[in-house]
Amino acid sequence: MNTDKIFAEAIANEYAPKDTSKVVALRKLDRRAKAPANIFAYSFGVVMTLVLGLGMCLAMQVLGDGGVLMTGAGILLGLLGMAGVGLNYSIYKKLLRAGKEKYAFEIMQLAREISEGAE
């Protein structure tokens, strides 16, 4: 098996003009299946990273009055942020799987039509 040939064909297909409406529709369906998971993952990841950073600032007494209550709140916020960042990928994978399952039939049908038309 010539992997260089396969790689070259994959790159060439990426740059070939996609005039057919079925290929465009297939790409749109693919994006529609993946978009909710990507949007959630980026948004949730950013928010949880900010929560983690705020917790670190409070725990290290960069923000706040430096009291025991603020340090304790900072530690709790930091742990909450770490848990959120750690769970982000698992939630993303579940949302991605759900989106793919939702559009799987349409994508497979359209891909089959495209591949049969190319022969």
PDB file of N, CA and C in Angstrom:
ATOM      1  N   MET A   1       0.848  -1.175   0.000  1.00  0.00           N
ATOM      2  CA  MET A   1       0.000   0.000   0.000  1.00  0.00           C
ATOM      3  C   MET A   1       0.895   1.240   0.000  1.00  0.00           C
ATOM      4  N   ASN A   2       0.638   2.124  -0.918  1.00  0.00           N
ATOM      5  CA  ASN A   2       1.445   3.327  -1.062  1.00  0.00           C
ATOM      6  C   ASN A   2       0.797   4.466  -0.269  1.00  0.00           C
ATOM      7  N   THR A   3       1.291   4.732   0.918  1.00  0.00           N
ATOM      8  CA  THR A   3       0.697   5.767   1.763  1.00  0.00           C
ATOM      9  C   THR A   3       0.954   7.162   1.216  1.00  0.00           C
ATOM     10  N   ASP A   4       2.045   7.336   0.491  1.00  0.00           N
ATOM     11  CA  ASP A   4       2.322   8.652  -0.100  1.00  0.00           C
ATOM     12  C   ASP A   4       1.269   9.010  -1.134  1.00  0.00           C
ATOM     13  N   LYS A   5       0.845   8.025  -1.912  1.00  0.00           N
ATOM     14  CA  LYS A   5      -0.181   8.263  -2.927  1.00  0.00           C
ATOM     15  C   LYS A   5      -1.509   8.622  -2.270  1.00  0.00           C
ATOM     16  N   ILE A   6      -1.867   7.907  -1.214  1.00  0.00           N
ATOM     17  CA  ILE A   6      -3.117   8.182  -0.502  1.00  0.00           C
ATOM     18  C   ILE A   6      -3.080   9.577   0.102  1.00  0.00           C
ATOM     19  N   PHE A   7      -1.942   9.921   0.697  1.00  0.00           N
ATOM     20  CA  PHE A   7      -1.794  11.245   1.290  1.00  0.00           C
ATOM     21  C   PHE A   7      -1.893  12.335   0.230  1.00  0.00           C
ATOM     22  N   ALA A   8      -1.258  12.124  -0.910  1.00  0.00           N
ATOM     23  CA  ALA A   8      -1.290  13.113  -1.996  1.00  0.00           C
ATOM     24  C   ALA A   8      -2.706  13.286  -2.530  1.00  0.00           C
ATOM     25  N   GLU A   9      -3.451  12.195  -2.662  1.00  0.00           N
ATOM     26  CA  GLU A   9      -4.831  12.279  -3.133  1.00  0.00           C
ATOM     27  C   GLU A   9      -5.714  13.011  -2.133  1.00  0.00           C
ATOM     28  N   ALA A  10      -5.482  12.783  -0.856  1.00  0.00           N
ATOM     29  CA  ALA A  10      -6.269  13.474   0.171  1.00  0.00           C
ATOM     30  C   ALA A  10      -6.020  14.972   0.122  1.00  0.00           C
ATOM     31  N   ILE A  11      -4.771  15.375  -0.046  1.00  0.00           N
ATOM     32  CA  ILE A  11      -4.441  16.796  -0.145  1.00  0.00           C
ATOM     33  C   ILE A  11      -5.038  17.380  -1.420  1.00  0.00           C
ATOM     34  N   ALA A  12      -4.933  16.670  -2.534  1.00  0.00           N
ATOM     35  CA  ALA A  12      -5.475  17.156  -3.801  1.00  0.00           C
ATOM     36  C   ALA A  12      -6.989  17.313  -3.722  1.00  0.00           C
ATOM     37  N   ASN A  13      -7.659  16.371  -3.075  1.00  0.00           N
ATOM     38  CA  ASN A  13      -9.115  16.473  -2.932  1.00  0.00           C
ATOM     39  C   ASN A  13      -9.515  17.673  -2.096  1.00  0.00           C
ATOM     40  N   GLU A  14      -8.667  18.036  -1.165  1.00  0.00           N
ATOM     41  CA  GLU A  14      -8.958  19.184  -0.312  1.00  0.00           C
ATOM     42  C   GLU A  14      -8.957  20.484  -1.114  1.00  0.00           C
ATOM     43  N   TYR A  15      -8.110  20.555  -2.141  1.00  0.00           N
ATOM     44  CA  TYR A  15      -7.984  21.766  -2.936  1.00  0.00           C
ATOM     45  C   TYR A  15      -8.802  21.738  -4.219  1.00  0.00           C
ATOM     46  N   ALA A  16      -9.399  20.614  -4.543  1.00  0.00           N
ATOM     47  CA  ALA A  16     -10.206  20.522  -5.755  1.00  0.00           C
ATOM     48  C   ALA A  16     -11.494  21.320  -5.561  1.00  0.00           C
ATOM     49  N   PRO A  17     -11.962  21.980  -6.603  1.00  0.00           N
ATOM     50  CA  PRO A  17     -13.203  22.767  -6.472  1.00  0.00           C
ATOM     51  C   PRO A  17     -14.392  21.856  -6.197  1.00  0.00           C
ATOM     52  N   LYS A  18     -15.202  22.265  -5.268  1.00  0.00           N
ATOM     53  CA  LYS A  18     -16.384  21.496  -4.890  1.00  0.00           C
ATOM     54  C   LYS A  18     -17.610  22.255  -5.395  1.00  0.00           C
ATOM     55  N   ASP A  19     -17.974  22.001  -6.640  1.00  0.00           N
ATOM     56  CA  ASP A  19     -19.083  22.719  -7.243  1.00  0.00           C
ATOM     57  C   ASP A  19     -20.425  22.085  -6.942  1.00  0.00           C
ATOM     58  N   THR A  20     -20.438  20.797  -6.700  1.00  0.00           N
ATOM     59  CA  THR A  20     -21.706  20.115  -6.538  1.00  0.00           C
ATOM     60  C   THR A  20     -22.384  20.541  -5.252  1.00  0.00           C
ATOM     61  N   SER A  21     -23.675  20.691  -5.332  1.00  0.00           N
ATOM     62  CA  SER A  21     -24.423  21.123  -4.156  1.00  0.00           C
ATOM     63  C   SER A  21     -24.487  20.025  -3.094  1.00  0.00           C
ATOM     64  N   LYS A  22     -24.342  18.776  -3.514  1.00  0.00           N
ATOM     65  CA  LYS A  22     -24.383  17.687  -2.542  1.00  0.00           C
ATOM     66  C   LYS A  22     -23.165  17.714  -1.628  1.00  0.00           C
ATOM     67  N   VAL A  23     -22.013  18.050  -2.176  1.00  0.00           N
ATOM     68  CA  VAL A  23     -20.808  18.126  -1.349  1.00  0.00           C
ATOM     69  C   VAL A  23     -20.933  19.289  -0.365  1.00  0.00           C
ATOM     70  N   VAL A  24     -21.451  20.401  -0.832  1.00  0.00           N
ATOM     71  CA  VAL A  24     -21.653  21.558   0.046  1.00  0.00           C
ATOM     72  C   VAL A  24     -22.654  21.211   1.139  1.00  0.00           C
ATOM     73  N   ALA A  25     -23.733  20.536   0.769  1.00  0.00           N
ATOM     74  CA  ALA A  25     -24.740  20.132   1.757  1.00  0.00           C
ATOM     75  C   ALA A  25     -24.150  19.156   2.770  1.00  0.00           C
ATOM     76  N   LEU A  26     -23.271  18.272   2.297  1.00  0.00           N
ATOM     77  CA  LEU A  26     -22.636  17.317   3.211  1.00  0.00           C
ATOM     78  C   LEU A  26     -21.746  18.040   4.218  1.00  0.00           C
ATOM     79  N   ARG A  27     -20.985  19.013   3.757  1.00  0.00           N
ATOM     80  CA  ARG A  27     -20.142  19.788   4.676  1.00  0.00           C
ATOM     81  C   ARG A  27     -20.980  20.565   5.684  1.00  0.00           C
ATOM     82  N   LYS A  28     -22.095  21.129   5.238  1.00  0.00           N
ATOM     83  CA  LYS A  28     -22.972  21.866   6.148  1.00  0.00           C
ATOM     84  C   LYS A  28     -23.563  20.943   7.205  1.00  0.00           C
ATOM     85  N   LEU A  29     -23.976  19.759   6.789  1.00  0.00           N
ATOM     86  CA  LEU A  29     -24.508  18.799   7.760  1.00  0.00           C
ATOM     87  C   LEU A  29     -23.440  18.385   8.761  1.00  0.00           C
ATOM     88  N   ASP A  30     -22.225  18.189   8.288  1.00  0.00           N
ATOM     89  CA  ASP A  30     -21.128  17.823   9.176  1.00  0.00           C
ATOM     90  C   ASP A  30     -20.877  18.931  10.195  1.00  0.00           C
ATOM     91  N   ARG A  31     -20.855  20.170   9.727  1.00  0.00           N
ATOM     92  CA  ARG A  31     -20.653  21.299  10.651  1.00  0.00           C
ATOM     93  C   ARG A  31     -21.809  21.422  11.628  1.00  0.00           C
ATOM     94  N   ARG A  32     -23.039  21.192  11.147  1.00  0.00           N
ATOM     95  CA  ARG A  32     -24.209  21.298  12.009  1.00  0.00           C
ATOM     96  C   ARG A  32     -24.190  20.220  13.094  1.00  0.00           C
ATOM     97  N   ALA A  33     -23.643  19.058  12.781  1.00  0.00           N
ATOM     98  CA  ALA A  33     -23.559  17.972  13.763  1.00  0.00           C
ATOM     99  C   ALA A  33     -22.510  18.272  14.831  1.00  0.00           C
ATOM    100  N   LYS A  34     -21.417  18.949  14.446  1.00  0.00           N
ATOM    101  CA  LYS A  34     -20.307  19.177  15.371  1.00  0.00           C
ATOM    102  C   LYS A  34     -20.352  20.523  16.090  1.00  0.00           C
ATOM    103  N   ALA A  35     -21.082  21.491  15.567  1.00  0.00           N
ATOM    104  CA  ALA A  35     -21.052  22.853  16.109  1.00  0.00           C
ATOM    105  C   ALA A  35     -21.486  22.963  17.576  1.00  0.00           C
ATOM    106  N   PRO A  36     -22.612  22.365  17.993  1.00  0.00           N
ATOM    107  CA  PRO A  36     -23.008  22.528  19.401  1.00  0.00           C
ATOM    108  C   PRO A  36     -21.951  22.030  20.382  1.00  0.00           C
ATOM    109  N   ALA A  37     -21.314  20.912  20.066  1.00  0.00           N
ATOM    110  CA  ALA A  37     -20.285  20.373  20.957  1.00  0.00           C
ATOM    111  C   ALA A  37     -19.079  21.306  21.016  1.00  0.00           C
ATOM    112  N   ASN A  38     -18.668  21.847  19.872  1.00  0.00           N
ATOM    113  CA  ASN A  38     -17.520  22.761  19.846  1.00  0.00           C
ATOM    114  C   ASN A  38     -17.823  24.054  20.596  1.00  0.00           C
ATOM    115  N   ILE A  39     -18.992  24.617  20.376  1.00  0.00           N
ATOM    116  CA  ILE A  39     -19.361  25.866  21.044  1.00  0.00           C
ATOM    117  C   ILE A  39     -19.400  25.667  22.553  1.00  0.00           C
ATOM    118  N   PHE A  40     -20.020  24.564  22.989  1.00  0.00           N
ATOM    119  CA  PHE A  40     -20.077  24.308  24.422  1.00  0.00           C
ATOM    120  C   PHE A  40     -18.685  24.108  25.005  1.00  0.00           C
ATOM    121  N   ALA A  41     -17.864  23.314  24.338  1.00  0.00           N
ATOM    122  CA  ALA A  41     -16.541  22.998  24.878  1.00  0.00           C
ATOM    123  C   ALA A  41     -15.691  24.256  25.045  1.00  0.00           C
ATOM    124  N   TYR A  42     -15.689  25.115  24.039  1.00  0.00           N
ATOM    125  CA  TYR A  42     -14.896  26.345  24.151  1.00  0.00           C
ATOM    126  C   TYR A  42     -15.456  27.269  25.224  1.00  0.00           C
ATOM    127  N   SER A  43     -16.769  27.457  25.244  1.00  0.00           N
ATOM    128  CA  SER A  43     -17.379  28.365  26.228  1.00  0.00           C
ATOM    129  C   SER A  43     -17.184  27.859  27.646  1.00  0.00           C
ATOM    130  N   PHE A  44     -17.511  26.603  27.874  1.00  0.00           N
ATOM    131  CA  PHE A  44     -17.392  26.029  29.211  1.00  0.00           C
ATOM    132  C   PHE A  44     -15.931  26.002  29.659  1.00  0.00           C
ATOM    133  N   GLY A  45     -15.032  25.685  28.732  1.00  0.00           N
ATOM    134  CA  GLY A  45     -13.611  25.660  29.063  1.00  0.00           C
ATOM    135  C   GLY A  45     -13.080  27.020  29.472  1.00  0.00           C
ATOM    136  N   VAL A  46     -13.491  28.054  28.755  1.00  0.00           N
ATOM    137  CA  VAL A  46     -13.047  29.409  29.087  1.00  0.00           C
ATOM    138  C   VAL A  46     -13.601  29.826  30.442  1.00  0.00           C
ATOM    139  N   VAL A  47     -14.883  29.569  30.680  1.00  0.00           N
ATOM    140  CA  VAL A  47     -15.495  29.967  31.956  1.00  0.00           C
ATOM    141  C   VAL A  47     -14.842  29.226  33.121  1.00  0.00           C
ATOM    142  N   MET A  48     -14.642  27.938  32.978  1.00  0.00           N
ATOM    143  CA  MET A  48     -14.034  27.175  34.068  1.00  0.00           C
ATOM    144  C   MET A  48     -12.568  27.557  34.289  1.00  0.00           C
ATOM    145  N   THR A  49     -11.872  27.935  33.240  1.00  0.00           N
ATOM    146  CA  THR A  49     -10.495  28.405  33.406  1.00  0.00           C
ATOM    147  C   THR A  49     -10.467  29.724  34.160  1.00  0.00           C
ATOM    148  N   LEU A  50     -11.423  30.593  33.865  1.00  0.00           N
ATOM    149  CA  LEU A  50     -11.506  31.858  34.596  1.00  0.00           C
ATOM    150  C   LEU A  50     -11.871  31.630  36.066  1.00  0.00           C
ATOM    151  N   VAL A  51     -12.764  30.677  36.321  1.00  0.00           N
ATOM    152  CA  VAL A  51     -13.115  30.344  37.710  1.00  0.00           C
ATOM    153  C   VAL A  51     -11.884  29.806  38.433  1.00  0.00           C
ATOM    154  N   LEU A  52     -11.126  28.950  37.782  1.00  0.00           N
ATOM    155  CA  LEU A  52      -9.894  28.415  38.369  1.00  0.00           C
ATOM    156  C   LEU A  52      -8.902  29.536  38.663  1.00  0.00           C
ATOM    157  N   GLY A  53      -8.745  30.453  37.728  1.00  0.00           N
ATOM    158  CA  GLY A  53      -7.822  31.578  37.933  1.00  0.00           C
ATOM    159  C   GLY A  53      -8.266  32.489  39.066  1.00  0.00           C
ATOM    160  N   LEU A  54      -9.569  32.754  39.159  1.00  0.00           N
ATOM    161  CA  LEU A  54     -10.076  33.577  40.259  1.00  0.00           C
ATOM    162  C   LEU A  54      -9.847  32.885  41.590  1.00  0.00           C
ATOM    163  N   GLY A  55     -10.071  31.581  41.615  1.00  0.00           N
ATOM    164  CA  GLY A  55      -9.821  30.831  42.849  1.00  0.00           C
ATOM    165  C   GLY A  55      -8.362  30.878  43.253  1.00  0.00           C
ATOM    166  N   MET A  56      -7.476  30.777  42.274  1.00  0.00           N
ATOM    167  CA  MET A  56      -6.039  30.854  42.587  1.00  0.00           C
ATOM    168  C   MET A  56      -5.678  32.236  43.128  1.00  0.00           C
ATOM    169  N   CYS A  57      -6.235  33.271  42.522  1.00  0.00           N
ATOM    170  CA  CYS A  57      -5.941  34.631  42.987  1.00  0.00           C
ATOM    171  C   CYS A  57      -6.436  34.849  44.415  1.00  0.00           C
ATOM    172  N   LEU A  58      -7.627  34.337  44.711  1.00  0.00           N
ATOM    173  CA  LEU A  58      -8.147  34.483  46.067  1.00  0.00           C
ATOM    174  C   LEU A  58      -7.340  33.646  47.060  1.00  0.00           C
ATOM    175  N   ALA A  59      -6.963  32.432  46.676  1.00  0.00           N
ATOM    176  CA  ALA A  59      -6.222  31.557  47.589  1.00  0.00           C
ATOM    177  C   ALA A  59      -4.819  32.091  47.866  1.00  0.00           C
ATOM    178  N   MET A  60      -4.205  32.722  46.878  1.00  0.00           N
ATOM    179  CA  MET A  60      -2.848  33.257  47.066  1.00  0.00           C
ATOM    180  C   MET A  60      -2.874  34.697  47.565  1.00  0.00           C
ATOM    181  N   GLN A  61      -4.057  35.189  47.885  1.00  0.00           N
ATOM    182  CA  GLN A  61      -4.276  36.510  48.462  1.00  0.00           C
ATOM    183  C   GLN A  61      -3.815  37.644  47.550  1.00  0.00           C
ATOM    184  N   VAL A  62      -3.929  37.417  46.239  1.00  0.00           N
ATOM    185  CA  VAL A  62      -3.675  38.492  45.279  1.00  0.00           C
ATOM    186  C   VAL A  62      -4.892  39.396  45.240  1.00  0.00           C
ATOM    187  N   LEU A  63      -6.071  38.790  45.328  1.00  0.00           N
ATOM    188  CA  LEU A  63      -7.330  39.525  45.416  1.00  0.00           C
ATOM    189  C   LEU A  63      -7.929  39.291  46.795  1.00  0.00           C
ATOM    190  N   GLY A  64      -8.769  40.184  47.233  1.00  0.00           N
ATOM    191  CA  GLY A  64      -9.432  40.025  48.514  1.00  0.00           C
ATOM    192  C   GLY A  64      -8.613  40.613  49.648  1.00  0.00           C
ATOM    193  N   ASP A  65      -9.159  40.473  50.862  1.00  0.00           N
ATOM    194  CA  ASP A  65      -8.513  41.072  52.032  1.00  0.00           C
ATOM    195  C   ASP A  65      -7.466  40.166  52.673  1.00  0.00           C
ATOM    196  N   GLY A  66      -7.302  38.955  52.158  1.00  0.00           N
ATOM    197  CA  GLY A  66      -6.282  38.057  52.699  1.00  0.00           C
ATOM    198  C   GLY A  66      -6.739  37.294  53.912  1.00  0.00           C
ATOM    199  N   GLY A  67      -8.038  37.328  54.200  1.00  0.00           N
ATOM    200  CA  GLY A  67      -8.547  36.601  55.353  1.00  0.00           C
ATOM    201  C   GLY A  67      -8.706  35.125  55.075  1.00  0.00           C
ATOM    202  N   VAL A  68      -8.966  34.407  56.156  1.00  0.00           N
ATOM    203  CA  VAL A  68      -9.132  32.962  56.059  1.00  0.00           C
ATOM    204  C   VAL A  68     -10.354  32.616  55.209  1.00  0.00           C
ATOM    205  N   LEU A  69     -11.410  33.408  55.311  1.00  0.00           N
ATOM    206  CA  LEU A  69     -12.631  33.166  54.548  1.00  0.00           C
ATOM    207  C   LEU A  69     -12.374  33.301  53.045  1.00  0.00           C
ATOM    208  N   MET A  70     -11.640  34.327  52.655  1.00  0.00           N
ATOM    209  CA  MET A  70     -11.340  34.530  51.234  1.00  0.00           C
ATOM    210  C   MET A  70     -10.404  33.444  50.716  1.00  0.00           C
ATOM    211  N   THR A  71      -9.455  33.027  51.538  1.00  0.00           N
ATOM    212  CA  THR A  71      -8.547  31.954  51.128  1.00  0.00           C
ATOM    213  C   THR A  71      -9.317  30.650  50.955  1.00  0.00           C
ATOM    214  N   GLY A  72     -10.203  30.359  51.875  1.00  0.00           N
ATOM    215  CA  GLY A  72     -11.038  29.156  51.768  1.00  0.00           C
ATOM    216  C   GLY A  72     -11.945  29.204  50.554  1.00  0.00           C
ATOM    217  N   ALA A  73     -12.536  30.366  50.291  1.00  0.00           N
ATOM    218  CA  ALA A  73     -13.383  30.526  49.105  1.00  0.00           C
ATOM    219  C   ALA A  73     -12.551  30.356  47.836  1.00  0.00           C
ATOM    220  N   GLY A  74     -11.327  30.846  47.852  1.00  0.00           N
ATOM    221  CA  GLY A  74     -10.439  30.691  46.704  1.00  0.00           C
ATOM    222  C   GLY A  74     -10.090  29.241  46.444  1.00  0.00           C
ATOM    223  N   ILE A  75      -9.851  28.501  47.501  1.00  0.00           N
ATOM    224  CA  ILE A  75      -9.538  27.078  47.339  1.00  0.00           C
ATOM    225  C   ILE A  75     -10.739  26.337  46.766  1.00  0.00           C
ATOM    226  N   LEU A  76     -11.929  26.652  47.279  1.00  0.00           N
ATOM    227  CA  LEU A  76     -13.136  26.007  46.759  1.00  0.00           C
ATOM    228  C   LEU A  76     -13.395  26.376  45.294  1.00  0.00           C
ATOM    229  N   LEU A  77     -13.218  27.639  44.958  1.00  0.00           N
ATOM    230  CA  LEU A  77     -13.376  28.051  43.560  1.00  0.00           C
ATOM    231  C   LEU A  77     -12.339  27.388  42.670  1.00  0.00           C
ATOM    232  N   GLY A  78     -11.126  27.277  43.152  1.00  0.00           N
ATOM    233  CA  GLY A  78     -10.084  26.597  42.381  1.00  0.00           C
ATOM    234  C   GLY A  78     -10.417  25.141  42.127  1.00  0.00           C
ATOM    235  N   LEU A  79     -10.923  24.460  43.152  1.00  0.00           N
ATOM    236  CA  LEU A  79     -11.317  23.063  42.981  1.00  0.00           C
ATOM    237  C   LEU A  79     -12.489  22.927  42.013  1.00  0.00           C
ATOM    238  N   LEU A  80     -13.435  23.850  42.098  1.00  0.00           N
ATOM    239  CA  LEU A  80     -14.564  23.849  41.168  1.00  0.00           C
ATOM    240  C   LEU A  80     -14.073  24.061  39.731  1.00  0.00           C
ATOM    241  N   GLY A  81     -13.150  24.990  39.552  1.00  0.00           N
ATOM    242  CA  GLY A  81     -12.591  25.240  38.226  1.00  0.00           C
ATOM    243  C   GLY A  81     -11.827  24.044  37.698  1.00  0.00           C
ATOM    244  N   MET A  82     -11.049  23.389  38.561  1.00  0.00           N
ATOM    245  CA  MET A  82     -10.314  22.192  38.132  1.00  0.00           C
ATOM    246  C   MET A  82     -11.270  21.080  37.723  1.00  0.00           C
ATOM    247  N   ALA A  83     -12.327  20.901  38.494  1.00  0.00           N
ATOM    248  CA  ALA A  83     -13.305  19.863  38.155  1.00  0.00           C
ATOM    249  C   ALA A  83     -13.973  20.177  36.820  1.00  0.00           C
ATOM    250  N   GLY A  84     -14.325  21.428  36.603  1.00  0.00           N
ATOM    251  CA  GLY A  84     -14.957  21.816  35.342  1.00  0.00           C
ATOM    252  C   GLY A  84     -14.048  21.621  34.152  1.00  0.00           C
ATOM    253  N   VAL A  85     -12.795  22.018  34.305  1.00  0.00           N
ATOM    254  CA  VAL A  85     -11.825  21.843  33.215  1.00  0.00           C
ATOM    255  C   VAL A  85     -11.600  20.354  32.950  1.00  0.00           C
ATOM    256  N   GLY A  86     -11.558  19.571  34.005  1.00  0.00           N
ATOM    257  CA  GLY A  86     -11.356  18.140  33.844  1.00  0.00           C
ATOM    258  C   GLY A  86     -12.536  17.429  33.198  1.00  0.00           C
ATOM    259  N   LEU A  87     -13.748  17.885  33.457  1.00  0.00           N
ATOM    260  CA  LEU A  87     -14.940  17.255  32.891  1.00  0.00           C
ATOM    261  C   LEU A  87     -15.274  17.754  31.490  1.00  0.00           C
ATOM    262  N   ASN A  88     -14.652  18.831  31.080  1.00  0.00           N
ATOM    263  CA  ASN A  88     -14.996  19.460  29.808  1.00  0.00           C
ATOM    264  C   ASN A  88     -14.877  18.487  28.636  1.00  0.00           C
ATOM    265  N   TYR A  89     -13.810  17.734  28.555  1.00  0.00           N
ATOM    266  CA  TYR A  89     -13.601  16.837  27.424  1.00  0.00           C
ATOM    267  C   TYR A  89     -14.641  15.718  27.400  1.00  0.00           C
ATOM    268  N   SER A  90     -14.989  15.190  28.565  1.00  0.00           N
ATOM    269  CA  SER A  90     -15.994  14.129  28.623  1.00  0.00           C
ATOM    270  C   SER A  90     -17.351  14.637  28.149  1.00  0.00           C
ATOM    271  N   ILE A  91     -17.705  15.831  28.576  1.00  0.00           N
ATOM    272  CA  ILE A  91     -18.979  16.414  28.149  1.00  0.00           C
ATOM    273  C   ILE A  91     -18.951  16.690  26.651  1.00  0.00           C
ATOM    274  N   TYR A  92     -17.822  17.174  26.163  1.00  0.00           N
ATOM    275  CA  TYR A  92     -17.675  17.432  24.721  1.00  0.00           C
ATOM    276  C   TYR A  92     -17.883  16.156  23.916  1.00  0.00           C
ATOM    277  N   LYS A  93     -17.260  15.058  24.341  1.00  0.00           N
ATOM    278  CA  LYS A  93     -17.390  13.801  23.609  1.00  0.00           C
ATOM    279  C   LYS A  93     -18.843  13.313  23.598  1.00  0.00           C
ATOM    280  N   LYS A  94     -19.567  13.476  24.711  1.00  0.00           N
ATOM    281  CA  LYS A  94     -20.971  13.064  24.751  1.00  0.00           C
ATOM    282  C   LYS A  94     -21.815  13.924  23.819  1.00  0.00           C
ATOM    283  N   LEU A  95     -21.590  15.233  23.831  1.00  0.00           N
ATOM    284  CA  LEU A  95     -22.344  16.118  22.941  1.00  0.00           C
ATOM    285  C   LEU A  95     -22.019  15.844  21.480  1.00  0.00           C
ATOM    286  N   LEU A  96     -20.759  15.572  21.186  1.00  0.00           N
ATOM    287  CA  LEU A  96     -20.354  15.268  19.816  1.00  0.00           C
ATOM    288  C   LEU A  96     -20.999  13.966  19.344  1.00  0.00           C
ATOM    289  N   ARG A  97     -21.009  12.958  20.189  1.00  0.00           N
ATOM    290  CA  ARG A  97     -21.636  11.684  19.840  1.00  0.00           C
ATOM    291  C   ARG A  97     -23.129  11.873  19.585  1.00  0.00           C
ATOM    292  N   ALA A  98     -23.786  12.678  20.428  1.00  0.00           N
ATOM    293  CA  ALA A  98     -25.211  12.921  20.245  1.00  0.00           C
ATOM    294  C   ALA A  98     -25.481  13.656  18.931  1.00  0.00           C
ATOM    295  N   GLY A  99     -24.647  14.635  18.612  1.00  0.00           N
ATOM    296  CA  GLY A  99     -24.818  15.363  17.362  1.00  0.00           C
ATOM    297  C   GLY A  99     -24.586  14.475  16.156  1.00  0.00           C
ATOM    298  N   LYS A 100     -23.586  13.608  16.227  1.00  0.00           N
ATOM    299  CA  LYS A 100     -23.322  12.693  15.114  1.00  0.00           C
ATOM    300  C   LYS A 100     -24.459  11.689  14.953  1.00  0.00           C
ATOM    301  N   GLU A 101     -25.005  11.208  16.063  1.00  0.00           N
ATOM    302  CA  GLU A 101     -26.126  10.275  15.984  1.00  0.00           C
ATOM    303  C   GLU A 101     -27.360  10.942  15.389  1.00  0.00           C
ATOM    304  N   LYS A 102     -27.549  12.203  15.711  1.00  0.00           N
ATOM    305  CA  LYS A 102     -28.721  12.935  15.224  1.00  0.00           C
ATOM    306  C   LYS A 102     -28.694  13.081  13.705  1.00  0.00           C
ATOM    307  N   TYR A 103     -27.526  13.348  13.145  1.00  0.00           N
ATOM    308  CA  TYR A 103     -27.414  13.600  11.711  1.00  0.00           C
ATOM    309  C   TYR A 103     -26.800  12.428  10.940  1.00  0.00           C
ATOM    310  N   ALA A 104     -26.573  11.307  11.576  1.00  0.00           N
ATOM    311  CA  ALA A 104     -25.873  10.185  10.936  1.00  0.00           C
ATOM    312  C   ALA A 104     -26.610   9.678   9.698  1.00  0.00           C
ATOM    313  N   PHE A 105     -27.908   9.512   9.794  1.00  0.00           N
ATOM    314  CA  PHE A 105     -28.651   8.958   8.667  1.00  0.00           C
ATOM    315  C   PHE A 105     -28.562   9.873   7.453  1.00  0.00           C
ATOM    316  N   GLU A 106     -28.780  11.166   7.658  1.00  0.00           N
ATOM    317  CA  GLU A 106     -28.730  12.118   6.544  1.00  0.00           C
ATOM    318  C   GLU A 106     -27.331  12.186   5.933  1.00  0.00           C
ATOM    319  N   ILE A 107     -26.310  12.212   6.773  1.00  0.00           N
ATOM    320  CA  ILE A 107     -24.936  12.300   6.281  1.00  0.00           C
ATOM    321  C   ILE A 107     -24.558  11.044   5.506  1.00  0.00           C
ATOM    322  N   MET A 108     -24.898   9.879   6.033  1.00  0.00           N
ATOM    323  CA  MET A 108     -24.569   8.631   5.349  1.00  0.00           C
ATOM    324  C   MET A 108     -25.309   8.519   4.011  1.00  0.00           C
ATOM    325  N   GLN A 109     -26.571   8.925   3.993  1.00  0.00           N
ATOM    326  CA  GLN A 109     -27.350   8.867   2.763  1.00  0.00           C
ATOM    327  C   GLN A 109     -26.758   9.801   1.705  1.00  0.00           C
ATOM    328  N   LEU A 110     -26.426  11.009   2.094  1.00  0.00           N
ATOM    329  CA  LEU A 110     -25.858  11.972   1.160  1.00  0.00           C
ATOM    330  C   LEU A 110     -24.467  11.535   0.697  1.00  0.00           C
ATOM    331  N   ALA A 111     -23.667  11.002   1.588  1.00  0.00           N
ATOM    332  CA  ALA A 111     -22.339  10.514   1.217  1.00  0.00           C
ATOM    333  C   ALA A 111     -22.442   9.342   0.244  1.00  0.00           C
ATOM    334  N   ARG A 112     -23.420   8.485   0.451  1.00  0.00           N
ATOM    335  CA  ARG A 112     -23.627   7.356  -0.455  1.00  0.00           C
ATOM    336  C   ARG A 112     -24.025   7.853  -1.844  1.00  0.00           C
ATOM    337  N   GLU A 113     -24.899   8.868  -1.886  1.00  0.00           N
ATOM    338  CA  GLU A 113     -25.311   9.441  -3.173  1.00  0.00           C
ATOM    339  C   GLU A 113     -24.115  10.060  -3.897  1.00  0.00           C
ATOM    340  N   ILE A 114     -23.259  10.742  -3.168  1.00  0.00           N
ATOM    341  CA  ILE A 114     -22.100  11.373  -3.772  1.00  0.00           C
ATOM    342  C   ILE A 114     -21.129  10.320  -4.310  1.00  0.00           C
ATOM    343  N   SER A 115     -20.887   9.273  -3.516  1.00  0.00           N
ATOM    344  CA  SER A 115     -19.931   8.256  -3.950  1.00  0.00           C
ATOM    345  C   SER A 115     -20.472   7.451  -5.130  1.00  0.00           C
ATOM    346  N   GLU A 116     -21.789   7.208  -5.182  1.00  0.00           N
ATOM    347  CA  GLU A 116     -22.364   6.506  -6.314  1.00  0.00           C
ATOM    348  C   GLU A 116     -22.338   7.362  -7.569  1.00  0.00           C
ATOM    349  N   GLY A 117     -22.490   8.663  -7.401  1.00  0.00           N
ATOM    350  CA  GLY A 117     -22.469   9.576  -8.535  1.00  0.00           C
ATOM    351  C   GLY A 117     -21.081   9.777  -9.098  1.00  0.00           C
ATOM    352  N   ALA A 118     -20.058   9.554  -8.282  1.00  0.00           N
ATOM    353  CA  ALA A 118     -18.669   9.749  -8.718  1.00  0.00           C
ATOM    354  C   ALA A 118     -18.159   8.584  -9.552  1.00  0.00           C
ATOM    355  N   GLU A 119     -18.830   7.442  -9.454  1.00  0.00           N
ATOM    356  CA  GLU A 119     -18.350   6.260 -10.170  1.00  0.00           C
ATOM    357  C   GLU A 119     -18.701   6.270 -11.615  1.00  0.00           C
TER     358      GLU A 119
END
